[in-house]
């Protein structure tokens, strides 16, 4: 109940994009979605399945949670890629600067003989 209350409070802080399209589109085909919907509408016979019906309201929470985790992983990968690129650029800059120092040490007189 606490999580559901917090979710309602957080709804006010959502951006317009999150309100309109809060989740990624489903990867299920239309007939798969209909089959899943029918299964969810059936009255379960097992005790655990009946208990799980009490937590259907948390589905939205888990969707948001999973979306946040996926975005977090994507950002971690992007950050690692940027760190590697930064390291490569620093290495190239050091090579360039080492080459510039070497060029300054070469005599500038065009006719040394």
Protein backbone atom coordinates (compact mmCIF):
# COMPACT_ATOMS: atom_id res chain seq x y z
CA UNK A 1 0.00 0.00 0.00
CA UNK A 2 2.87 2.35 0.79
CA UNK A 3 4.44 1.80 -2.63
CA UNK A 4 1.10 2.44 -4.34
CA UNK A 5 0.63 5.67 -2.36
CA UNK A 6 4.15 6.82 -3.27
CA UNK A 7 3.49 5.98 -6.92
CA UNK A 8 0.39 8.16 -6.85
CA UNK A 9 2.38 11.01 -5.29
CA UNK A 10 5.13 10.64 -7.90
CA UNK A 11 2.59 10.75 -10.73
CA UNK A 12 2.40 14.53 -10.27
CA UNK A 13 6.15 14.80 -10.92
CA UNK A 14 6.11 12.91 -14.21
CA UNK A 15 6.93 14.70 -17.41
CA UNK A 16 4.31 14.98 -20.14
CA UNK A 17 6.12 12.36 -22.19
CA UNK A 18 6.02 9.89 -19.30
CA UNK A 19 2.31 10.52 -18.81
CA UNK A 20 1.51 9.97 -22.47
CA UNK A 21 3.93 7.14 -23.22
CA UNK A 22 5.18 5.87 -19.86
CA UNK A 23 6.64 2.55 -21.03
CA UNK A 24 8.21 0.90 -23.97
CA UNK A 25 5.74 -0.70 -26.36
CA UNK A 26 5.04 -4.37 -25.81
CA UNK A 27 7.06 -6.86 -27.82
CA UNK A 28 4.15 -9.32 -27.82
CA UNK A 29 2.06 -9.88 -30.91
CA UNK A 30 -1.61 -8.92 -30.76
CA UNK A 31 -2.79 -12.52 -30.31
CA UNK A 32 -0.21 -13.04 -27.53
CA UNK A 33 -1.46 -9.94 -25.73
CA UNK A 34 -5.06 -11.16 -26.00
CA UNK A 35 -4.08 -14.59 -24.66
CA UNK A 36 -2.21 -13.05 -21.73
CA UNK A 37 -5.20 -10.80 -20.99
CA UNK A 38 -7.55 -13.82 -20.96
CA UNK A 39 -5.25 -15.70 -18.59
CA UNK A 40 -5.16 -12.71 -16.24
CA UNK A 41 -8.96 -12.54 -16.20
CA UNK A 42 -9.35 -16.19 -15.18
CA UNK A 43 -9.95 -16.94 -11.52
CA UNK A 44 -6.87 -18.81 -10.28
CA UNK A 45 -7.23 -22.13 -8.47
CA UNK A 46 -3.83 -22.27 -6.72
CA UNK A 47 -3.42 -20.39 -3.42
CA UNK A 48 -0.23 -18.66 -4.56
CA UNK A 49 -1.88 -17.46 -7.76
CA UNK A 50 -4.83 -16.10 -5.74
CA UNK A 51 -2.42 -14.27 -3.45
CA UNK A 52 -0.64 -12.79 -6.48
CA UNK A 53 -3.88 -11.17 -7.65
CA UNK A 54 -3.52 -8.84 -4.67
CA UNK A 55 -0.31 -7.51 -6.20
CA UNK A 56 -1.60 -6.74 -9.69
CA UNK A 57 -1.50 -3.05 -8.76
CA UNK A 58 2.27 -3.33 -8.47
CA UNK A 59 2.61 -4.21 -12.16
CA UNK A 60 2.94 -0.53 -13.05
CA UNK A 61 5.57 -0.11 -10.35
CA UNK A 62 7.61 -3.03 -11.70
CA UNK A 63 7.33 -1.70 -15.24
CA UNK A 64 8.71 1.63 -14.12
CA UNK A 65 11.37 -0.04 -12.01
CA UNK A 66 12.52 -2.23 -14.89
CA UNK A 67 12.54 0.73 -17.27
CA UNK A 68 14.68 2.69 -14.82
CA UNK A 69 17.09 -0.23 -14.45
CA UNK A 70 17.40 -0.58 -18.24
CA UNK A 71 18.10 3.14 -18.59
CA UNK A 72 20.65 2.94 -15.78
CA UNK A 73 22.48 0.09 -17.54
CA UNK A 74 22.40 1.97 -20.85
CA UNK A 75 23.87 5.05 -19.18
CA UNK A 76 26.58 2.96 -17.54
CA UNK A 77 27.55 1.53 -20.92
CA UNK A 78 27.51 4.97 -22.53
CA UNK A 79 29.67 6.33 -19.72
CA UNK A 80 32.16 3.48 -20.12
CA UNK A 81 32.32 4.11 -23.87
CA UNK A 82 32.90 7.83 -23.30
CA UNK A 83 35.61 7.12 -20.71
CA UNK A 84 37.39 4.85 -23.19
CA UNK A 85 37.12 7.46 -25.94
CA UNK A 86 38.41 10.13 -23.57
CA UNK A 87 41.38 7.90 -22.70
CA UNK A 88 42.11 7.33 -26.40
CA UNK A 89 41.94 11.06 -27.14
CA UNK A 90 44.27 11.83 -24.23
CA UNK A 91 46.75 9.28 -25.56
CA UNK A 92 46.60 10.83 -29.05
CA UNK A 93 47.07 14.30 -27.57
CA UNK A 94 50.15 13.13 -25.65
CA UNK A 95 51.58 11.64 -28.84
CA UNK A 96 50.92 14.87 -30.72
CA UNK A 97 52.52 16.99 -28.01
CA UNK A 98 55.54 14.65 -27.86
CA UNK A 99 55.90 15.04 -31.63
CA UNK A 100 55.66 18.84 -31.38
CA UNK A 101 58.44 18.95 -28.78
CA UNK A 102 60.63 16.75 -31.00
CA UNK A 103 60.02 19.06 -34.01
CA UNK A 104 61.13 22.10 -32.00
CA UNK A 105 64.46 20.44 -31.21
CA UNK A 106 65.32 19.98 -34.90
CA UNK A 107 67.58 22.86 -36.13
CA UNK A 108 65.70 25.44 -38.14
CA UNK A 109 68.65 26.42 -40.34
CA UNK A 110 67.76 25.25 -43.84
CA UNK A 111 71.43 25.03 -44.97
CA UNK A 112 73.51 23.51 -42.19
CA UNK A 113 76.45 22.75 -44.52
